[in-house]
C-alpha atoms as a PDB file:
ATOM      1  CA  UNK A   1       4.835  12.145   3.442  1.00  0.00           C
ATOM      2  CA  UNK A   2       7.741   9.698   3.497  1.00  0.00           C
ATOM      3  CA  UNK A   3       6.407   6.310   2.402  1.00  0.00           C
ATOM      4  CA  UNK A   4       7.663   2.775   2.947  1.00  0.00           C
ATOM      5  CA  UNK A   5      10.592   3.043   0.484  1.00  0.00           C
ATOM      6  CA  UNK A   6      11.811   6.227   2.156  1.00  0.00           C
ATOM      7  CA  UNK A   7      11.668   4.633   5.597  1.00  0.00           C
ATOM      8  CA  UNK A   8      13.428   1.501   4.339  1.00  0.00           C
ATOM      9  CA  UNK A   9      16.056   3.658   2.647  1.00  0.00           C
ATOM     10  CA  UNK A  10      16.531   5.515   5.932  1.00  0.00           C
ATOM     11  CA  UNK A  11      16.878   2.241   7.857  1.00  0.00           C
ATOM     12  CA  UNK A  12      19.539   0.974   5.479  1.00  0.00           C
ATOM     13  CA  UNK A  13      21.325   4.317   5.489  1.00  0.00           C
ATOM     14  CA  UNK A  14      21.633   4.810   9.237  1.00  0.00           C
ATOM     15  CA  UNK A  15      22.030   1.182  10.359  1.00  0.00           C
ATOM     16  CA  UNK A  16      25.796   0.826   9.692  1.00  0.00           C
ATOM     17  CA  UNK A  17      26.524   3.866  11.853  1.00  0.00           C
ATOM     18  CA  UNK A  18      24.476   3.081  14.952  1.00  0.00           C
ATOM     19  CA  UNK A  19      23.871  -0.680  15.197  1.00  0.00           C
ATOM     20  CA  UNK A  20      25.858  -2.160  18.065  1.00  0.00           C
ATOM     21  CA  UNK A  21      26.798   1.276  19.380  1.00  0.00           C
ATOM     22  CA  UNK A  22      26.442   2.457  22.972  1.00  0.00           C
ATOM     23  CA  UNK A  23      24.369   5.589  23.533  1.00  0.00           C
ATOM     24  CA  UNK A  24      26.314   8.219  25.478  1.00  0.00           C
ATOM     25  CA  UNK A  25      23.949  11.185  25.357  1.00  0.00           C
ATOM     26  CA  UNK A  26      20.437  12.153  24.315  1.00  0.00           C
ATOM     27  CA  UNK A  27      19.549  15.750  23.466  1.00  0.00           C
ATOM     28  CA  UNK A  28      15.908  16.774  23.108  1.00  0.00           C
ATOM     29  CA  UNK A  29      15.594  20.309  21.781  1.00  0.00           C
ATOM     30  CA  UNK A  30      11.867  20.161  21.058  1.00  0.00           C
ATOM     31  CA  UNK A  31       9.769  17.604  22.972  1.00  0.00           C
ATOM     32  CA  UNK A  32       6.424  18.702  21.506  1.00  0.00           C
ATOM     33  CA  UNK A  33       6.080  16.410  18.515  1.00  0.00           C
ATOM     34  CA  UNK A  34       2.862  14.704  17.389  1.00  0.00           C
ATOM     35  CA  UNK A  35       3.380  12.407  20.356  1.00  0.00           C
ATOM     36  CA  UNK A  36       5.382  14.150  23.114  1.00  0.00           C
ATOM     37  CA  UNK A  37       8.914  12.803  23.444  1.00  0.00           C
ATOM     38  CA  UNK A  38       8.933  10.381  26.430  1.00  0.00           C
ATOM     39  CA  UNK A  39      10.219  11.987  29.618  1.00  0.00           C
ATOM     40  CA  UNK A  40      12.417   8.954  30.286  1.00  0.00           C
ATOM     41  CA  UNK A  41      14.021   8.836  26.831  1.00  0.00           C
ATOM     42  CA  UNK A  42      17.487   9.903  27.983  1.00  0.00           C
ATOM     43  CA  UNK A  43      17.270   7.919  31.217  1.00  0.00           C
ATOM     44  CA  UNK A  44      16.569   4.674  29.378  1.00  0.00           C
ATOM     45  CA  UNK A  45      18.818   5.229  26.374  1.00  0.00           C
ATOM     46  CA  UNK A  46      22.085   6.482  27.895  1.00  0.00           C
ATOM     47  CA  UNK A  47      24.297   3.475  28.535  1.00  0.00           C
ATOM     48  CA  UNK A  48      22.163   1.209  26.372  1.00  0.00           C
ATOM     49  CA  UNK A  49      23.358  -0.504  23.220  1.00  0.00           C
ATOM     50  CA  UNK A  50      21.484  -0.268  19.929  1.00  0.00           C
ATOM     51  CA  UNK A  51      20.457  -3.525  18.304  1.00  0.00           C
ATOM     52  CA  UNK A  52      19.569  -4.436  14.721  1.00  0.00           C
ATOM     53  CA  UNK A  53      17.204  -1.891  13.173  1.00  0.00           C
ATOM     54  CA  UNK A  54      13.891  -3.113  11.792  1.00  0.00           C
ATOM     55  CA  UNK A  55      11.005  -1.584   9.886  1.00  0.00           C
ATOM     56  CA  UNK A  56       7.275  -2.306  10.160  1.00  0.00           C
ATOM     57  CA  UNK A  57       5.203  -0.443   7.577  1.00  0.00           C
ATOM     58  CA  UNK A  58       6.374   3.178   7.871  1.00  0.00           C
ATOM     59  CA  UNK A  59       7.618   2.756  11.438  1.00  0.00           C
ATOM     60  CA  UNK A  60      11.322   2.431  12.169  1.00  0.00           C
ATOM     61  CA  UNK A  61      11.985   0.083  15.084  1.00  0.00           C
ATOM     62  CA  UNK A  62      15.201   0.611  17.071  1.00  0.00           C
ATOM     63  CA  UNK A  63      15.788  -2.065  19.741  1.00  0.00           C
ATOM     64  CA  UNK A  64      18.009  -1.122  22.666  1.00  0.00           C
ATOM     65  CA  UNK A  65      19.524  -3.288  25.388  1.00  0.00           C
ATOM     66  CA  UNK A  66      21.092  -2.125  28.678  1.00  0.00           C
ATOM     67  CA  UNK A  67      24.844  -2.258  28.261  1.00  0.00           C
ATOM     68  CA  UNK A  68      25.598  -4.134  31.510  1.00  0.00           C
ATOM     69  CA  UNK A  69      23.559  -7.148  30.359  1.00  0.00           C
ATOM     70  CA  UNK A  70      22.336  -8.152  33.809  1.00  0.00           C
ATOM     71  CA  UNK A  71      19.740 -10.898  34.105  1.00  0.00           C
ATOM     72  CA  UNK A  72      17.110  -8.466  35.295  1.00  0.00           C
ATOM     73  CA  UNK A  73      17.646  -6.120  32.386  1.00  0.00           C
ATOM     74  CA  UNK A  74      14.857  -6.026  29.839  1.00  0.00           C
ATOM     75  CA  UNK A  75      15.424  -4.513  26.418  1.00  0.00           C
ATOM     76  CA  UNK A  76      13.065  -2.029  24.832  1.00  0.00           C
ATOM     77  CA  UNK A  77      12.244  -0.812  21.338  1.00  0.00           C
ATOM     78  CA  UNK A  78      11.967   2.739  20.098  1.00  0.00           C
ATOM     79  CA  UNK A  79       9.238   3.322  17.552  1.00  0.00           C
ATOM     80  CA  UNK A  80      10.113   6.193  15.227  1.00  0.00           C
ATOM     81  CA  UNK A  81       7.729   7.710  12.684  1.00  0.00           C
ATOM     82  CA  UNK A  82       8.847  10.410  10.263  1.00  0.00           C
ATOM     83  CA  UNK A  83       5.457  12.086   9.956  1.00  0.00           C
ATOM     84  CA  UNK A  84       4.890  14.440   7.028  1.00  0.00           C
ATOM     85  CA  UNK A  85       8.349  15.914   6.577  1.00  0.00           C
ATOM     86  CA  UNK A  86      10.653  14.248   9.083  1.00  0.00           C
ATOM     87  CA  UNK A  87      14.018  12.671   8.380  1.00  0.00           C
ATOM     88  CA  UNK A  88      16.704  10.844  10.325  1.00  0.00           C
ATOM     89  CA  UNK A  89      20.266  11.706   9.397  1.00  0.00           C
ATOM     90  CA  UNK A  90      23.717  10.735  10.566  1.00  0.00           C
ATOM     91  CA  UNK A  91      25.800  13.625  11.923  1.00  0.00           C
ATOM     92  CA  UNK A  92      29.085  13.763  13.833  1.00  0.00           C
ATOM     93  CA  UNK A  93      29.628  15.045  17.330  1.00  0.00           C
ATOM     94  CA  UNK A  94      30.328  18.754  16.981  1.00  0.00           C
ATOM     95  CA  UNK A  95      28.143  19.250  13.893  1.00  0.00           C
ATOM     96  CA  UNK A  96      25.936  22.220  14.678  1.00  0.00           C
ATOM     97  CA  UNK A  97      22.196  21.471  14.625  1.00  0.00           C
ATOM     98  CA  UNK A  98      19.956  23.184  12.100  1.00  0.00           C
ATOM     99  CA  UNK A  99      16.576  24.706  12.725  1.00  0.00           C
ATOM    100  CA  UNK A 100      14.019  21.933  13.307  1.00  0.00           C
ATOM    101  CA  UNK A 101      16.671  19.404  14.437  1.00  0.00           C
ATOM    102  CA  UNK A 102      14.676  18.231  17.456  1.00  0.00           C
ATOM    103  CA  UNK A 103      16.333  15.077  18.838  1.00  0.00           C
ATOM    104  CA  UNK A 104      19.925  13.792  18.906  1.00  0.00           C
ATOM    105  CA  UNK A 105      20.968  10.290  19.946  1.00  0.00           C
ATOM    106  CA  UNK A 106      24.754  10.412  20.441  1.00  0.00           C
ATOM    107  CA  UNK A 107      26.822   7.216  20.258  1.00  0.00           C
ATOM    108  CA  UNK A 108      30.236   6.310  21.653  1.00  0.00           C
ATOM    109  CA  UNK A 109      31.657   6.138  18.120  1.00  0.00           C
ATOM    110  CA  UNK A 110      31.020   9.858  17.637  1.00  0.00           C
ATOM    111  CA  UNK A 111      28.112   9.434  15.289  1.00  0.00           C
ATOM    112  CA  UNK A 112      24.829  11.177  16.046  1.00  0.00           C
ATOM    113  CA  UNK A 113      21.374  10.015  14.977  1.00  0.00           C
ATOM    114  CA  UNK A 114      19.651  13.352  14.356  1.00  0.00           C
ATOM    115  CA  UNK A 115      15.912  13.832  13.858  1.00  0.00           C
ATOM    116  CA  UNK A 116      14.781  16.761  11.711  1.00  0.00           C
ATOM    117  CA  UNK A 117      11.078  17.599  11.381  1.00  0.00           C
ATOM    118  CA  UNK A 118       9.864  21.070  10.325  1.00  0.00           C
ATOM    119  CA  UNK A 119       6.170  20.209  10.741  1.00  0.00           C
ATOM    120  CA  UNK A 120       6.604  18.128  13.909  1.00  0.00           C
ATOM    121  CA  UNK A 121       4.086  15.515  12.750  1.00  0.00           C
ATOM    122  CA  UNK A 122       6.464  12.651  13.429  1.00  0.00           C
ATOM    123  CA  UNK A 123       7.302  11.087  16.779  1.00  0.00           C
ATOM    124  CA  UNK A 124       9.621   8.858  18.764  1.00  0.00           C
ATOM    125  CA  UNK A 125       8.013   6.692  21.434  1.00  0.00           C
ATOM    126  CA  UNK A 126       8.464   3.415  23.259  1.00  0.00           C
ATOM    127  CA  UNK A 127       6.853   0.441  21.570  1.00  0.00           C
ATOM    128  CA  UNK A 128       4.740  -1.952  23.632  1.00  0.00           C
ATOM    129  CA  UNK A 129       6.731  -4.989  24.838  1.00  0.00           C
ATOM    130  CA  UNK A 130       4.417  -7.245  22.860  1.00  0.00           C
ATOM    131  CA  UNK A 131       4.268  -5.801  19.346  1.00  0.00           C
ATOM    132  CA  UNK A 132       0.859  -7.394  18.768  1.00  0.00           C
ATOM    133  CA  UNK A 133      -0.488  -5.309  21.662  1.00  0.00           C
ATOM    134  CA  UNK A 134       0.791  -1.994  20.313  1.00  0.00           C
ATOM    135  CA  UNK A 135      -2.261  -0.227  18.885  1.00  0.00           C
ATOM    136  CA  UNK A 136      -0.140   1.396  16.183  1.00  0.00           C
ATOM    137  CA  UNK A 137       1.065  -1.949  14.839  1.00  0.00           C
ATOM    138  CA  UNK A 138      -1.548  -4.532  15.836  1.00  0.00           C
ATOM    139  CA  UNK A 139      -3.890  -4.150  12.867  1.00  0.00           C
ATOM    140  CA  UNK A 140      -1.409  -3.641  10.063  1.00  0.00           C
ATOM    141  CA  UNK A 141      -1.605  -5.801   6.967  1.00  0.00           C
ATOM    142  CA  UNK A 142       1.287  -7.823   5.532  1.00  0.00           C
ATOM    143  CA  UNK A 143       4.515  -6.309   4.292  1.00  0.00           C
ATOM    144  CA  UNK A 144       4.278  -5.849   0.512  1.00  0.00           C
ATOM    145  CA  UNK A 145       7.646  -7.449  -0.202  1.00  0.00           C
ATOM    146  CA  UNK A 146       6.838 -10.545   1.865  1.00  0.00           C
ATOM    147  CA  UNK A 147       5.432 -13.855   0.643  1.00  0.00           C
ATOM    148  CA  UNK A 148       2.272 -13.178   2.677  1.00  0.00           C
ATOM    149  CA  UNK A 149       1.284 -10.486   0.196  1.00  0.00           C
ATOM    150  CA  UNK A 150       0.101 -11.922  -3.104  1.00  0.00           C
ATOM    151  CA  UNK A 151      -2.790 -11.967  -5.551  1.00  0.00           C
ATOM    152  CA  UNK A 152      -4.696 -14.584  -3.604  1.00  0.00           C
ATOM    153  CA  UNK A 153      -4.609 -12.370  -0.499  1.00  0.00           C
ATOM    154  CA  UNK A 154      -5.928  -9.356  -2.414  1.00  0.00           C
ATOM    155  CA  UNK A 155      -8.587 -11.369  -4.208  1.00  0.00           C
ATOM    156  CA  UNK A 156      -9.869 -12.956  -0.980  1.00  0.00           C
ATOM    157  CA  UNK A 157     -10.102  -9.654   0.895  1.00  0.00           C
ATOM    158  CA  UNK A 158     -11.738  -7.847  -2.004  1.00  0.00           C
ATOM    159  CA  UNK A 159     -14.757 -10.076  -2.532  1.00  0.00           C
ATOM    160  CA  UNK A 160     -18.010  -8.095  -2.415  1.00  0.00           C
ATOM    161  CA  UNK A 161     -16.088  -4.843  -1.840  1.00  0.00           C
ATOM    162  CA  UNK A 162     -17.649  -1.878  -3.649  1.00  0.00           C
ATOM    163  CA  UNK A 163     -14.845   0.513  -2.761  1.00  0.00           C
ATOM    164  CA  UNK A 164     -12.631   1.486  -5.682  1.00  0.00           C
ATOM    165  CA  UNK A 165      -9.542  -0.669  -6.066  1.00  0.00           C
ATOM    166  CA  UNK A 166      -7.069   2.188  -5.452  1.00  0.00           C
ATOM    167  CA  UNK A 167      -8.277   3.142  -1.945  1.00  0.00           C
ATOM    168  CA  UNK A 168      -8.678  -0.590  -1.253  1.00  0.00           C
ATOM    169  CA  UNK A 169      -5.001  -1.098  -2.088  1.00  0.00           C
ATOM    170  CA  UNK A 170      -4.024   1.883   0.067  1.00  0.00           C
ATOM    171  CA  UNK A 171      -5.762   0.450   3.160  1.00  0.00           C
ATOM    172  CA  UNK A 172      -3.025  -0.435   5.671  1.00  0.00           C
ATOM    173  CA  UNK A 173      -5.069  -3.385   6.879  1.00  0.00           C
ATOM    174  CA  UNK A 174      -4.904  -4.816   3.351  1.00  0.00           C
ATOM    175  CA  UNK A 175      -1.199  -4.177   2.802  1.00  0.00           C
ATOM    176  CA  UNK A 176       1.224  -1.648   4.244  1.00  0.00           C
ATOM    177  CA  UNK A 177       3.267   0.725   2.152  1.00  0.00           C
ATOM    178  CA  UNK A 178       1.083   1.134  -0.944  1.00  0.00           C
ATOM    179  CA  UNK A 179       0.733   4.895  -0.535  1.00  0.00           C
ATOM    180  CA  UNK A 180      -0.816   7.226  -3.076  1.00  0.00           C
ATOM    181  CA  UNK A 181       2.141   7.459  -5.435  1.00  0.00           C
ATOM    182  CA  UNK A 182       3.102   3.808  -5.408  1.00  0.00           C
ATOM    183  CA  UNK A 183      -0.515   2.601  -5.658  1.00  0.00           C
ATOM    184  CA  UNK A 184      -1.011   4.771  -8.744  1.00  0.00           C
ATOM    185  CA  UNK A 185       2.153   3.433 -10.320  1.00  0.00           C
ATOM    186  CA  UNK A 186       1.333  -0.208  -9.521  1.00  0.00           C
ATOM    187  CA  UNK A 187      -2.193   0.070 -10.942  1.00  0.00           C
ATOM    188  CA  UNK A 188      -0.737   1.537 -14.129  1.00  0.00           C
ATOM    189  CA  UNK A 189       1.769  -1.290 -14.412  1.00  0.00           C
ATOM    190  CA  UNK A 190      -1.020  -3.843 -13.916  1.00  0.00           C
ATOM    191  CA  UNK A 191      -3.340  -2.044 -16.381  1.00  0.00           C
ATOM    192  CA  UNK A 192      -6.163  -1.644 -13.844  1.00  0.00           C
ATOM    193  CA  UNK A 193      -8.461   1.388 -13.763  1.00  0.00           C
ATOM    194  CA  UNK A 194      -8.196   2.854 -10.220  1.00  0.00           C
ATOM    195  CA  UNK A 195     -11.949   3.515 -10.242  1.00  0.00           C
ATOM    196  CA  UNK A 196     -12.912  -0.141 -10.723  1.00  0.00           C
ATOM    197  CA  UNK A 197     -14.667  -1.702  -7.725  1.00  0.00           C
ATOM    198  CA  UNK A 198     -12.239  -3.885  -5.774  1.00  0.00           C
ATOM    199  CA  UNK A 199     -14.750  -6.735  -5.819  1.00  0.00           C
ATOM    200  CA  UNK A 200     -14.857  -6.685  -9.620  1.00  0.00           C
ATOM    201  CA  UNK A 201     -11.144  -7.308 -10.147  1.00  0.00           C
ATOM    202  CA  UNK A 202     -10.298 -10.869 -11.152  1.00  0.00           C
ATOM    203  CA  UNK A 203      -7.822 -13.148  -9.435  1.00  0.00           C
ATOM    204  CA  UNK A 204      -5.493 -13.010 -12.450  1.00  0.00           C
ATOM    205  CA  UNK A 205      -5.466  -9.224 -12.380  1.00  0.00           C
ATOM    206  CA  UNK A 206      -4.801  -9.208  -8.634  1.00  0.00           C
ATOM    207  CA  UNK A 207      -1.847 -11.531  -9.267  1.00  0.00           C
ATOM    208  CA  UNK A 208      -0.522  -8.912 -11.682  1.00  0.00           C
ATOM    209  CA  UNK A 209      -1.246  -6.085  -9.237  1.00  0.00           C
ATOM    210  CA  UNK A 210       0.548  -7.772  -6.333  1.00  0.00           C
ATOM    211  CA  UNK A 211       3.575  -8.324  -8.544  1.00  0.00           C
ATOM    212  CA  UNK A 212       3.448  -4.691  -9.696  1.00  0.00           C
ATOM    213  CA  UNK A 213       3.323  -3.431  -6.092  1.00  0.00           C
ATOM    214  CA  UNK A 214       6.403  -5.501  -5.271  1.00  0.00           C
ATOM    215  CA  UNK A 215       8.214  -4.258  -8.366  1.00  0.00           C
ATOM    216  CA  UNK A 216       7.451  -0.571  -7.902  1.00  0.00           C
ATOM    217  CA  UNK A 217       8.370  -0.578  -4.196  1.00  0.00           C
ATOM    218  CA  UNK A 218      11.555  -2.582  -4.767  1.00  0.00           C
ATOM    219  CA  UNK A 219      12.563  -0.161  -7.531  1.00  0.00           C
ATOM    220  CA  UNK A 220      11.857   2.816  -5.273  1.00  0.00           C
ATOM    221  CA  UNK A 221      14.030   1.361  -2.504  1.00  0.00           C
ATOM    222  CA  UNK A 222      16.881   0.740  -4.951  1.00  0.00           C
ATOM    223  CA  UNK A 223      16.583   4.270  -6.346  1.00  0.00           C
ATOM    224  CA  UNK A 224      16.558   5.779  -2.859  1.00  0.00           C
ATOM    225  CA  UNK A 225      12.866   6.458  -2.426  1.00  0.00           C
ATOM    226  CA  UNK A 226      11.185   9.761  -3.074  1.00  0.00           C
ATOM    227  CA  UNK A 227       7.742  11.134  -2.379  1.00  0.00           C
ATOM    228  CA  UNK A 228       8.648  14.619  -1.172  1.00  0.00           C
ATOM    229  CA  UNK A 229      11.033  16.993  -2.872  1.00  0.00           C
ATOM    230  CA  UNK A 230      12.675  17.571   0.511  1.00  0.00           C
ATOM    231  CA  UNK A 231      13.057  13.874   1.392  1.00  0.00           C
ATOM    232  CA  UNK A 232      16.628  12.800   2.105  1.00  0.00           C
ATOM    233  CA  UNK A 233      18.125   9.462   3.022  1.00  0.00           C
ATOM    234  CA  UNK A 234      20.101   8.662   6.152  1.00  0.00           C
ATOM    235  CA  UNK A 235      23.229  10.282   4.736  1.00  0.00           C
ATOM    236  CA  UNK A 236      21.362  13.364   3.506  1.00  0.00           C
ATOM    237  CA  UNK A 237      21.098  12.240  -0.122  1.00  0.00           C
ATOM    238  CA  UNK A 238      17.848  13.036  -1.971  1.00  0.00           C
ATOM    239  CA  UNK A 239      15.725  10.299  -3.485  1.00  0.00           C
ATOM    240  CA  UNK A 240      15.574  10.017  -7.261  1.00  0.00           C
ATOM    241  CA  UNK A 241      12.720   7.635  -8.033  1.00  0.00           C
ATOM    242  CA  UNK A 242      10.351  10.499  -8.879  1.00  0.00           C
ATOM    243  CA  UNK A 243      12.224  10.962 -12.154  1.00  0.00           C
ATOM    244  CA  UNK A 244      10.919   7.555 -13.295  1.00  0.00           C
ATOM    245  CA  UNK A 245       7.233   7.894 -12.404  1.00  0.00           C
ATOM    246  CA  UNK A 246       4.842   6.839 -15.158  1.00  0.00           C
ATOM    247  CA  UNK A 247       1.602   8.527 -14.086  1.00  0.00           C
ATOM    248  CA  UNK A 248       1.797  10.284 -10.708  1.00  0.00           C
ATOM    249  CA  UNK A 249       2.136  14.043 -11.179  1.00  0.00           C
ATOM    250  CA  UNK A 250       1.895  13.740 -14.979  1.00  0.00           C
ATOM    251  CA  UNK A 251      -1.794  14.546 -15.566  1.00  0.00           C
ATOM    252  CA  UNK A 252      -2.410  16.219 -18.909  1.00  0.00           C
ATOM    253  CA  UNK A 253       0.749  14.688 -20.358  1.00  0.00           C
ATOM    254  CA  UNK A 254       0.807  11.795 -22.831  1.00  0.00           C
ATOM    255  CA  UNK A 255       0.993   8.247 -21.502  1.00  0.00           C
ATOM    256  CA  UNK A 256       4.513   6.886 -21.889  1.00  0.00           C
ATOM    257  CA  UNK A 257       3.050   3.609 -23.102  1.00  0.00           C
ATOM    258  CA  UNK A 258       0.206   4.500 -25.487  1.00  0.00           C
ATOM    259  CA  UNK A 259       0.299   8.287 -25.893  1.00  0.00           C
ATOM    260  CA  UNK A 260      -3.233   8.940 -24.566  1.00  0.00           C
ATOM    261  CA  UNK A 261      -3.521  11.999 -22.312  1.00  0.00           C
ATOM    262  CA  UNK A 262      -3.342  11.075 -18.623  1.00  0.00           C
ATOM    263  CA  UNK A 263      -6.358  12.030 -16.505  1.00  0.00           C
ATOM    264  CA  UNK A 264      -6.538  13.201 -12.893  1.00  0.00           C
ATOM    265  CA  UNK A 265      -9.482  12.263 -10.682  1.00  0.00           C
ATOM    266  CA  UNK A 266     -10.206  12.191  -6.959  1.00  0.00           C
ATOM    267  CA  UNK A 267     -10.629   8.881  -5.151  1.00  0.00           C
ATOM    268  CA  UNK A 268     -11.019   8.648  -1.398  1.00  0.00           C
ATOM    269  CA  UNK A 269     -10.183  12.364  -1.139  1.00  0.00           C
ATOM    270  CA  UNK A 270      -6.834  11.750  -2.816  1.00  0.00           C
ATOM    271  CA  UNK A 271      -5.747  12.852  -6.280  1.00  0.00           C
ATOM    272  CA  UNK A 272      -5.170   9.995  -8.667  1.00  0.00           C
ATOM    273  CA  UNK A 273      -3.696   9.994 -12.163  1.00  0.00           C
ATOM    274  CA  UNK A 274      -4.278   7.184 -14.636  1.00  0.00           C
ATOM    275  CA  UNK A 275      -4.276   6.378 -18.333  1.00  0.00           C
ATOM    276  CA  UNK A 276      -7.791   5.859 -19.795  1.00  0.00           C
ATOM    277  CA  UNK A 277      -6.185   4.014 -22.713  1.00  0.00           C
ATOM    278  CA  UNK A 278      -4.044   1.499 -20.808  1.00  0.00           C
ATOM    279  CA  UNK A 279      -6.022   1.025 -17.609  1.00  0.00           C
ATOM    280  CA  UNK A 280      -9.350  -0.809 -17.797  1.00  0.00           C
END
């Protein structure tokens, strides 16, 4: 599914076209997504102005404010999740929708925020007024590119943990955004065997792992993000980071660093590829 870099790439791609724009129309072609599209979506959005887009973990946050700006007006925030195969693209008024284009948010500038989701596992919903009270956001760990995420944080949380370090790293309460692909890549960069118990990783190695997570996610965002072959950015461009993966999807091939054959195992019901020569 689209991971943090894909969502961040989407945010950066669509923001210049819709931030500050007034919503003139909302078209819902298919309301039955993973969470049903709110009945009042059009009522609350039409006439509102879109604020500065944010991202929390893999959720895109779109704040909206009533256009008339009266004292009694209270803004709201749309919470958008791309699910397994969803994407948000920018279209123009008059562009014909494709199959699986489920929701359009039309702006006064003529640009359309269009949601495409063949599997319908994504959703758009209203976020709780107090973000800390929204059950989807309340228990999330720190953002991986923030100062709050570091080796000390990982080391402290991991003490006495018997779970393998890879599923530990993928726990959203530990850190958000370290999905299967990026966790595998970060562990390779840090030279850590994904099977090692989280509680048996030293502070120095967690310092290296935190830095690797930051590096691999930052690189993915710069490259455009890619975890699915059908992922596209806000302008419809595919991601290209998959071409630079060191271990994910390369089992049976030689390690790019030492030449040892890469192995595939299962951890936490997820496939994991690592180098038995480089990762200890």
